[in-house]
Each structure stands twice: as C-alpha cells, then as structure tokens.
C-alpha cells in the first residue's frame, strides 16, 4: 500500500477544493435575487447553475471562465423565473466575482505544510486573470510551482486534454512523471473520474456539504474532508 509521501507532486483543482466555489457563486448571485425579492434553496440554486455552466463550457470550450459566468448570468435568472433580468453590467460583475471568492479557512496553511513534501501545481477550469486575482487575494499570494488554466489548454475539465497538457508541462518542467502525481480535488465529475481514466492516483478533498461536481460513483485513492486533514495525514506518515 503506497503512502502519501511516496508522491512528488500535487495537481490541484482550485475552485471547490481550495476556494469556496459554491459560496462565492451564491454570494455573487444574491443581488439579482434581492432585486426580485426571491428566495430559493441552496441546492436548487447550485444545481441550476451547475447545469448551465456545464452546458456553456461544452458549447464554448475556448471561452474564458469569467465570460462563461457573465454569459450564463441572465440565463440563470431566466431559468429561475425571475421577473427582473440583470443588466449587462451586473452580468459582467457576476463574471468578475471569481477573483473575490473566499478560500476555505484551512487552505493557505495546509498548502504551506504540503509544499514541504510536494511540488504544487494548479489545474483549474478558470482563466488566467481570474486565477491571478484569486491568488493575490484569498490565497494570499501563495507561490505555486506551476499554473495551468482552462484558458491555456482551450478546453475545460473533465476533458482529458487538460490532464495530458498538465502532465506534459510537469514532465518538461520538473522531470516528474504521471506515476508521481496526485490529482487533489473535490469534484468527482471534473477531476477524479477523468484522472482515473488516464491512470492518475487521486486524493478526494470532500468539503462536506458540497453540491456541484458530485457523482453517485466516487473514485479516489485517499479521502479527507479538508486539505488540512490531508496535511495532518502526510505529517503522520499515512
């Protein structure tokens, strides 16, 4: 049985794993709900948004993520039956909210601890500018060893091209092969299932209560509720 310390590099999903994707989206959408004096359950809002995001990413795989959000914002409002539609400016603001979404409380400290063992690589479904804002903001300028975004690849996870692109960059930059990489993520749909298809081991950071990215079949090699718990396990030699 292999141990966490047998690996040399972590490839991170960011939004949902390091950053509170769901909380960020809900907070950014709240103004249009307030304008309509409307209320919906958290699950209904997130499942509706998630369906629209996947549809848009499949339709326009080369569209930067902030534009994906701006594009689906009025569609999201319409799908919910809201009578007052967002303005174009409000939709742009929704798209630009990505860079302001909060990190989970354990994230930055856990990254510092994990960086003592691993190279830390970003494999994110956002655009370069949005990630740069997040990194400078809620991630407190953490120095990742490599950053790969959907904008760099021209497709969105779970497309296997994103994983192959990352592994090629990891091999050429650090001389680290796929057998020494752990895909570390919350989303089963975006990360664990595609990682498994190409033979990558993975660490499931559950983030209890998460809605988006879940699948009935869960695939993982290690499972922790938080990134902080993963850092604990590493230090304990598990």
C-alpha atoms as a PDB file:
ATOM      1  CA  UNK A   1       0.000   0.000   0.000  1.00  0.00           C
ATOM      2  CA  UNK A   2       1.539   3.310  -1.056  1.00  0.00           C
ATOM      3  CA  UNK A   3       1.736   6.311   1.263  1.00  0.00           C
ATOM      4  CA  UNK A   4       1.149   9.996   0.542  1.00  0.00           C
ATOM      5  CA  UNK A   5       4.860  10.619   0.952  1.00  0.00           C
ATOM      6  CA  UNK A   6       5.629   8.286  -1.981  1.00  0.00           C
ATOM      7  CA  UNK A   7       4.487  11.012  -4.405  1.00  0.00           C
ATOM      8  CA  UNK A   8       6.293  14.166  -5.542  1.00  0.00           C
ATOM      9  CA  UNK A   9       3.621  16.499  -6.937  1.00  0.00           C
ATOM     10  CA  UNK A  10       0.040  17.551  -6.222  1.00  0.00           C
ATOM     11  CA  UNK A  11      -2.129  18.796  -9.082  1.00  0.00           C
ATOM     12  CA  UNK A  12      -4.871  20.913  -7.553  1.00  0.00           C
ATOM     13  CA  UNK A  13      -8.301  21.811  -8.605  1.00  0.00           C
ATOM     14  CA  UNK A  14      -8.752  25.280  -7.071  1.00  0.00           C
ATOM     15  CA  UNK A  15     -12.409  26.312  -7.114  1.00  0.00           C
ATOM     16  CA  UNK A  16     -14.295  23.872  -4.924  1.00  0.00           C
ATOM     17  CA  UNK A  17     -11.124  22.447  -3.356  1.00  0.00           C
ATOM     18  CA  UNK A  18      -9.020  25.422  -2.222  1.00  0.00           C
ATOM     19  CA  UNK A  19     -11.609  28.154  -2.763  1.00  0.00           C
ATOM     20  CA  UNK A  20     -15.287  28.135  -1.779  1.00  0.00           C
ATOM     21  CA  UNK A  21     -16.726  27.946  -5.318  1.00  0.00           C
ATOM     22  CA  UNK A  22     -20.292  27.384  -4.179  1.00  0.00           C
ATOM     23  CA  UNK A  23     -20.325  30.110  -1.538  1.00  0.00           C
ATOM     24  CA  UNK A  24     -18.740  32.527  -3.991  1.00  0.00           C
ATOM     25  CA  UNK A  25     -21.344  31.888  -6.674  1.00  0.00           C
ATOM     26  CA  UNK A  26     -24.247  32.213  -4.261  1.00  0.00           C
ATOM     27  CA  UNK A  27     -22.923  35.483  -2.846  1.00  0.00           C
ATOM     28  CA  UNK A  28     -22.355  36.895  -6.341  1.00  0.00           C
ATOM     29  CA  UNK A  29     -25.869  35.934  -7.444  1.00  0.00           C
ATOM     30  CA  UNK A  30     -27.572  37.320  -4.341  1.00  0.00           C
ATOM     31  CA  UNK A  31     -28.007  40.899  -5.684  1.00  0.00           C
ATOM     32  CA  UNK A  32     -30.322  39.785  -8.513  1.00  0.00           C
ATOM     33  CA  UNK A  33     -32.293  37.630  -6.059  1.00  0.00           C
ATOM     34  CA  UNK A  34     -32.649  40.648  -3.778  1.00  0.00           C
ATOM     35  CA  UNK A  35     -33.784  42.800  -6.709  1.00  0.00           C
ATOM     36  CA  UNK A  36     -36.535  40.251  -7.368  1.00  0.00           C
ATOM     37  CA  UNK A  37     -37.302  39.664  -3.682  1.00  0.00           C
ATOM     38  CA  UNK A  38     -36.818  35.948  -4.460  1.00  0.00           C
ATOM     39  CA  UNK A  39     -35.639  33.022  -2.378  1.00  0.00           C
ATOM     40  CA  UNK A  40     -34.628  29.517  -3.395  1.00  0.00           C
ATOM     41  CA  UNK A  41     -32.941  26.644  -1.616  1.00  0.00           C
ATOM     42  CA  UNK A  42     -29.154  26.444  -1.806  1.00  0.00           C
ATOM     43  CA  UNK A  43     -29.397  23.076  -3.568  1.00  0.00           C
ATOM     44  CA  UNK A  44     -31.809  24.365  -6.224  1.00  0.00           C
ATOM     45  CA  UNK A  45     -29.651  27.402  -6.978  1.00  0.00           C
ATOM     46  CA  UNK A  46     -26.444  25.409  -7.202  1.00  0.00           C
ATOM     47  CA  UNK A  47     -27.858  22.533  -9.248  1.00  0.00           C
ATOM     48  CA  UNK A  48     -29.414  25.004 -11.717  1.00  0.00           C
ATOM     49  CA  UNK A  49     -26.202  26.997 -12.009  1.00  0.00           C
ATOM     50  CA  UNK A  50     -24.081  23.859 -12.357  1.00  0.00           C
ATOM     51  CA  UNK A  51     -26.178  22.545 -15.251  1.00  0.00           C
ATOM     52  CA  UNK A  52     -25.914  25.880 -17.086  1.00  0.00           C
ATOM     53  CA  UNK A  53     -22.158  26.124 -16.527  1.00  0.00           C
ATOM     54  CA  UNK A  54     -21.508  22.644 -17.906  1.00  0.00           C
ATOM     55  CA  UNK A  55     -23.682  23.367 -20.965  1.00  0.00           C
ATOM     56  CA  UNK A  56     -21.870  26.635 -21.684  1.00  0.00           C
ATOM     57  CA  UNK A  57     -18.396  25.163 -21.219  1.00  0.00           C
ATOM     58  CA  UNK A  58     -19.239  22.341 -23.605  1.00  0.00           C
ATOM     59  CA  UNK A  59     -20.633  24.809 -26.147  1.00  0.00           C
ATOM     60  CA  UNK A  60     -17.727  27.289 -25.921  1.00  0.00           C
ATOM     61  CA  UNK A  61     -14.654  25.422 -24.616  1.00  0.00           C
ATOM     62  CA  UNK A  62     -12.327  28.287 -25.510  1.00  0.00           C
ATOM     63  CA  UNK A  63     -14.369  30.999 -23.745  1.00  0.00           C
ATOM     64  CA  UNK A  64     -12.573  32.406 -20.658  1.00  0.00           C
ATOM     65  CA  UNK A  65     -14.292  31.395 -17.459  1.00  0.00           C
ATOM     66  CA  UNK A  66     -15.250  34.905 -16.358  1.00  0.00           C
ATOM     67  CA  UNK A  67     -17.060  35.313 -19.689  1.00  0.00           C
ATOM     68  CA  UNK A  68     -18.783  31.956 -19.182  1.00  0.00           C
ATOM     69  CA  UNK A  69     -20.222  33.293 -15.933  1.00  0.00           C
ATOM     70  CA  UNK A  70     -21.246  36.605 -17.481  1.00  0.00           C
ATOM     71  CA  UNK A  71     -22.918  34.750 -20.359  1.00  0.00           C
ATOM     72  CA  UNK A  72     -24.965  32.396 -18.212  1.00  0.00           C
ATOM     73  CA  UNK A  73     -25.913  35.004 -15.585  1.00  0.00           C
ATOM     74  CA  UNK A  74     -29.074  36.226 -17.383  1.00  0.00           C
ATOM     75  CA  UNK A  75     -29.902  32.654 -18.418  1.00  0.00           C
ATOM     76  CA  UNK A  76     -29.614  31.592 -14.771  1.00  0.00           C
ATOM     77  CA  UNK A  77     -32.040  34.339 -13.760  1.00  0.00           C
ATOM     78  CA  UNK A  78     -34.463  33.360 -16.523  1.00  0.00           C
ATOM     79  CA  UNK A  79     -34.261  29.656 -15.672  1.00  0.00           C
ATOM     80  CA  UNK A  80     -35.290  30.526 -12.123  1.00  0.00           C
ATOM     81  CA  UNK A  81     -38.257  32.521 -13.453  1.00  0.00           C
ATOM     82  CA  UNK A  82     -37.042  35.871 -12.127  1.00  0.00           C
ATOM     83  CA  UNK A  83     -39.096  38.760 -13.497  1.00  0.00           C
ATOM     84  CA  UNK A  84     -36.382  41.441 -13.310  1.00  0.00           C
ATOM     85  CA  UNK A  85     -33.427  40.479 -15.517  1.00  0.00           C
ATOM     86  CA  UNK A  86     -29.861  41.527 -14.700  1.00  0.00           C
ATOM     87  CA  UNK A  87     -28.285  44.384 -16.616  1.00  0.00           C
ATOM     88  CA  UNK A  88     -25.243  43.775 -18.791  1.00  0.00           C
ATOM     89  CA  UNK A  89     -23.107  45.498 -16.142  1.00  0.00           C
ATOM     90  CA  UNK A  90     -24.482  43.211 -13.430  1.00  0.00           C
ATOM     91  CA  UNK A  91     -23.652  40.153 -15.538  1.00  0.00           C
ATOM     92  CA  UNK A  92     -20.091  41.388 -16.073  1.00  0.00           C
ATOM     93  CA  UNK A  93     -19.782  41.881 -12.312  1.00  0.00           C
ATOM     94  CA  UNK A  94     -21.013  38.326 -11.758  1.00  0.00           C
ATOM     95  CA  UNK A  95     -18.286  37.068 -14.090  1.00  0.00           C
ATOM     96  CA  UNK A  96     -15.610  39.139 -12.385  1.00  0.00           C
ATOM     97  CA  UNK A  97     -16.630  37.881  -8.949  1.00  0.00           C
ATOM     98  CA  UNK A  98     -14.429  34.793  -9.411  1.00  0.00           C
ATOM     99  CA  UNK A  99     -11.333  36.630  -8.232  1.00  0.00           C
ATOM    100  CA  UNK A 100     -13.064  37.571  -4.980  1.00  0.00           C
ATOM    101  CA  UNK A 101     -14.383  34.164  -3.928  1.00  0.00           C
ATOM    102  CA  UNK A 102     -13.057  33.200  -0.458  1.00  0.00           C
ATOM    103  CA  UNK A 103     -10.548  30.473   0.267  1.00  0.00           C
ATOM    104  CA  UNK A 104     -11.560  27.770   2.715  1.00  0.00           C
ATOM    105  CA  UNK A 105     -10.180  28.561   6.195  1.00  0.00           C
ATOM    106  CA  UNK A 106      -7.680  25.686   6.191  1.00  0.00           C
ATOM    107  CA  UNK A 107      -6.358  26.182   2.653  1.00  0.00           C
ATOM    108  CA  UNK A 108      -3.355  28.508   2.886  1.00  0.00           C
ATOM    109  CA  UNK A 109      -1.836  26.931   5.985  1.00  0.00           C
ATOM    110  CA  UNK A 110      -2.332  23.440   4.503  1.00  0.00           C
ATOM    111  CA  UNK A 111      -0.625  24.494   1.256  1.00  0.00           C
ATOM    112  CA  UNK A 112       2.390  25.711   3.233  1.00  0.00           C
ATOM    113  CA  UNK A 113       2.620  22.377   5.029  1.00  0.00           C
ATOM    114  CA  UNK A 114       2.158  20.295   1.867  1.00  0.00           C
ATOM    115  CA  UNK A 115       4.766  22.334  -0.019  1.00  0.00           C
ATOM    116  CA  UNK A 116       7.461  20.823   2.219  1.00  0.00           C
ATOM    117  CA  UNK A 117       6.873  17.458   0.516  1.00  0.00           C
ATOM    118  CA  UNK A 118       5.452  18.253  -2.925  1.00  0.00           C
ATOM    119  CA  UNK A 119       5.631  20.490  -5.928  1.00  0.00           C
ATOM    120  CA  UNK A 120       2.221  22.190  -6.017  1.00  0.00           C
ATOM    121  CA  UNK A 121       0.558  22.693  -9.396  1.00  0.00           C
ATOM    122  CA  UNK A 122      -2.736  24.383 -10.301  1.00  0.00           C
ATOM    123  CA  UNK A 123      -5.007  22.675 -12.852  1.00  0.00           C
ATOM    124  CA  UNK A 124      -8.007  24.978 -12.874  1.00  0.00           C
ATOM    125  CA  UNK A 125     -11.084  25.488 -15.023  1.00  0.00           C
ATOM    126  CA  UNK A 126     -10.802  29.276 -14.843  1.00  0.00           C
ATOM    127  CA  UNK A 127      -8.974  31.883 -16.925  1.00  0.00           C
ATOM    128  CA  UNK A 128      -5.527  33.269 -16.128  1.00  0.00           C
ATOM    129  CA  UNK A 129      -6.699  36.693 -14.944  1.00  0.00           C
ATOM    130  CA  UNK A 130      -9.356  35.305 -12.592  1.00  0.00           C
ATOM    131  CA  UNK A 131      -6.865  32.915 -11.033  1.00  0.00           C
ATOM    132  CA  UNK A 132      -4.274  35.677 -10.659  1.00  0.00           C
ATOM    133  CA  UNK A 133      -6.834  37.747  -8.733  1.00  0.00           C
ATOM    134  CA  UNK A 134      -7.703  34.784  -6.508  1.00  0.00           C
ATOM    135  CA  UNK A 135      -4.054  34.016  -5.888  1.00  0.00           C
ATOM    136  CA  UNK A 136      -3.281  37.600  -4.959  1.00  0.00           C
ATOM    137  CA  UNK A 137      -6.429  37.775  -2.800  1.00  0.00           C
ATOM    138  CA  UNK A 138      -7.825  34.924  -0.745  1.00  0.00           C
ATOM    139  CA  UNK A 139      -4.867  32.604  -1.444  1.00  0.00           C
ATOM    140  CA  UNK A 140      -2.571  35.280  -0.002  1.00  0.00           C
ATOM    141  CA  UNK A 141      -0.076  35.189  -2.863  1.00  0.00           C
ATOM    142  CA  UNK A 142       0.831  31.540  -2.327  1.00  0.00           C
ATOM    143  CA  UNK A 143       3.730  30.628  -4.679  1.00  0.00           C
ATOM    144  CA  UNK A 144       2.508  27.667  -6.719  1.00  0.00           C
ATOM    145  CA  UNK A 145       5.200  25.894  -8.717  1.00  0.00           C
ATOM    146  CA  UNK A 146       3.141  25.831 -11.929  1.00  0.00           C
ATOM    147  CA  UNK A 147      -0.249  27.183 -13.014  1.00  0.00           C
ATOM    148  CA  UNK A 148      -2.315  25.610 -15.799  1.00  0.00           C
ATOM    149  CA  UNK A 149      -5.752  27.057 -16.589  1.00  0.00           C
ATOM    150  CA  UNK A 150      -8.516  26.079 -18.983  1.00  0.00           C
ATOM    151  CA  UNK A 151      -7.562  29.167 -20.981  1.00  0.00           C
ATOM    152  CA  UNK A 152      -4.063  27.734 -21.521  1.00  0.00           C
ATOM    153  CA  UNK A 153      -5.453  24.439 -22.814  1.00  0.00           C
ATOM    154  CA  UNK A 154      -8.507  25.648 -24.729  1.00  0.00           C
ATOM    155  CA  UNK A 155     -10.852  23.190 -23.044  1.00  0.00           C
ATOM    156  CA  UNK A 156     -12.499  22.586 -19.692  1.00  0.00           C
ATOM    157  CA  UNK A 157     -12.173  19.628 -17.355  1.00  0.00           C
ATOM    158  CA  UNK A 158     -13.300  16.852 -17.435  1.00  0.00           C
ATOM    159  CA  UNK A 159     -11.765  16.939 -20.938  1.00  0.00           C
ATOM    160  CA  UNK A 160      -8.722  14.670 -20.787  1.00  0.00           C
ATOM    161  CA  UNK A 161      -6.722  17.199 -22.807  1.00  0.00           C
ATOM    162  CA  UNK A 162      -6.400  19.323 -19.675  1.00  0.00           C
ATOM    163  CA  UNK A 163      -4.793  16.474 -17.746  1.00  0.00           C
ATOM    164  CA  UNK A 164      -2.464  15.479 -20.582  1.00  0.00           C
ATOM    165  CA  UNK A 165      -1.406  19.126 -21.007  1.00  0.00           C
ATOM    166  CA  UNK A 166      -0.647  19.393 -17.285  1.00  0.00           C
ATOM    167  CA  UNK A 167       1.325  16.136 -17.236  1.00  0.00           C
ATOM    168  CA  UNK A 168       3.375  17.215 -20.259  1.00  0.00           C
ATOM    169  CA  UNK A 169       4.215  20.508 -18.525  1.00  0.00           C
ATOM    170  CA  UNK A 170       5.066  18.698 -15.281  1.00  0.00           C
ATOM    171  CA  UNK A 171       7.376  16.287 -17.130  1.00  0.00           C
ATOM    172  CA  UNK A 172       9.159  19.022 -19.068  1.00  0.00           C
ATOM    173  CA  UNK A 173       9.412  21.439 -16.140  1.00  0.00           C
ATOM    174  CA  UNK A 174      10.191  19.151 -13.183  1.00  0.00           C
ATOM    175  CA  UNK A 175      11.052  15.799 -14.790  1.00  0.00           C
ATOM    176  CA  UNK A 176       8.208  14.255 -12.770  1.00  0.00           C
ATOM    177  CA  UNK A 177       6.122  11.541 -14.409  1.00  0.00           C
ATOM    178  CA  UNK A 178       2.438  10.716 -14.006  1.00  0.00           C
ATOM    179  CA  UNK A 179       3.158   7.947 -11.515  1.00  0.00           C
ATOM    180  CA  UNK A 180       4.455  10.542  -9.055  1.00  0.00           C
ATOM    181  CA  UNK A 181       1.447  12.885  -9.337  1.00  0.00           C
ATOM    182  CA  UNK A 182      -1.666  13.011  -7.133  1.00  0.00           C
ATOM    183  CA  UNK A 183      -4.737  14.800  -8.509  1.00  0.00           C
ATOM    184  CA  UNK A 184      -6.096  16.571  -5.431  1.00  0.00           C
ATOM    185  CA  UNK A 185      -9.657  17.811  -5.766  1.00  0.00           C
ATOM    186  CA  UNK A 186     -13.247  17.972  -4.546  1.00  0.00           C
ATOM    187  CA  UNK A 187     -15.129  17.330  -7.784  1.00  0.00           C
ATOM    188  CA  UNK A 188     -15.702  13.752  -8.836  1.00  0.00           C
ATOM    189  CA  UNK A 189     -17.042  14.915 -12.219  1.00  0.00           C
ATOM    190  CA  UNK A 190     -14.265  17.365 -13.135  1.00  0.00           C
ATOM    191  CA  UNK A 191     -11.263  15.631 -11.575  1.00  0.00           C
ATOM    192  CA  UNK A 192     -11.435  12.161 -10.068  1.00  0.00           C
ATOM    193  CA  UNK A 193     -13.243  10.333 -12.871  1.00  0.00           C
ATOM    194  CA  UNK A 194     -11.064  11.762 -15.677  1.00  0.00           C
ATOM    195  CA  UNK A 195      -7.892  11.319 -13.588  1.00  0.00           C
ATOM    196  CA  UNK A 196      -8.783   7.659 -13.127  1.00  0.00           C
ATOM    197  CA  UNK A 197      -9.285   7.245 -16.882  1.00  0.00           C
ATOM    198  CA  UNK A 198      -5.668   8.201 -17.561  1.00  0.00           C
ATOM    199  CA  UNK A 199      -4.232   6.263 -14.619  1.00  0.00           C
ATOM    200  CA  UNK A 200      -3.621   9.111 -12.155  1.00  0.00           C
ATOM    201  CA  UNK A 201      -3.971   8.454  -8.446  1.00  0.00           C
ATOM    202  CA  UNK A 202      -6.180  10.954  -6.653  1.00  0.00           C
ATOM    203  CA  UNK A 203      -6.960  12.478  -3.269  1.00  0.00           C
ATOM    204  CA  UNK A 204     -10.598  13.398  -2.678  1.00  0.00           C
ATOM    205  CA  UNK A 205     -10.998  16.555  -0.607  1.00  0.00           C
ATOM    206  CA  UNK A 206     -14.700  16.136   0.176  1.00  0.00           C
ATOM    207  CA  UNK A 207     -15.583  19.588   1.547  1.00  0.00           C
ATOM    208  CA  UNK A 208     -18.731  18.229   3.295  1.00  0.00           C
ATOM    209  CA  UNK A 209     -21.946  19.853   2.140  1.00  0.00           C
ATOM    210  CA  UNK A 210     -20.699  20.475  -1.398  1.00  0.00           C
ATOM    211  CA  UNK A 211     -23.270  20.015  -4.168  1.00  0.00           C
ATOM    212  CA  UNK A 212     -21.581  20.680  -7.501  1.00  0.00           C
ATOM    213  CA  UNK A 213     -19.354  18.068  -9.095  1.00  0.00           C
ATOM    214  CA  UNK A 214     -20.760  15.146  -7.125  1.00  0.00           C
ATOM    215  CA  UNK A 215     -21.442  11.778  -8.781  1.00  0.00           C
ATOM    216  CA  UNK A 216     -23.078   8.658  -7.392  1.00  0.00           C
ATOM    217  CA  UNK A 217     -19.898   6.661  -8.059  1.00  0.00           C
ATOM    218  CA  UNK A 218     -16.933   8.002  -6.094  1.00  0.00           C
ATOM    219  CA  UNK A 219     -13.389   7.275  -7.238  1.00  0.00           C
ATOM    220  CA  UNK A 220     -10.352   8.074  -5.098  1.00  0.00           C
ATOM    221  CA  UNK A 221      -7.208   6.623  -3.525  1.00  0.00           C
ATOM    222  CA  UNK A 222      -7.265   8.797  -0.392  1.00  0.00           C
ATOM    223  CA  UNK A 223     -10.202  10.675   1.126  1.00  0.00           C
ATOM    224  CA  UNK A 224     -10.177  13.631   3.526  1.00  0.00           C
ATOM    225  CA  UNK A 225     -12.840  16.150   4.467  1.00  0.00           C
ATOM    226  CA  UNK A 226     -10.388  19.070   4.260  1.00  0.00           C
ATOM    227  CA  UNK A 227      -6.960  19.874   2.881  1.00  0.00           C
ATOM    228  CA  UNK A 228      -5.798  20.429   6.444  1.00  0.00           C
ATOM    229  CA  UNK A 229      -6.641  16.805   7.235  1.00  0.00           C
ATOM    230  CA  UNK A 230      -4.556  15.696   4.258  1.00  0.00           C
ATOM    231  CA  UNK A 231      -1.590  17.688   5.597  1.00  0.00           C
ATOM    232  CA  UNK A 232      -2.117  16.013   9.002  1.00  0.00           C
ATOM    233  CA  UNK A 233      -2.073  12.568   7.384  1.00  0.00           C
ATOM    234  CA  UNK A 234       1.106  13.347   5.463  1.00  0.00           C
ATOM    235  CA  UNK A 235       2.893  14.511   8.594  1.00  0.00           C
ATOM    236  CA  UNK A 236       1.699  11.423  10.464  1.00  0.00           C
ATOM    237  CA  UNK A 237       3.210   9.196   7.760  1.00  0.00           C
ATOM    238  CA  UNK A 238      -0.061   7.801   6.404  1.00  0.00           C
END
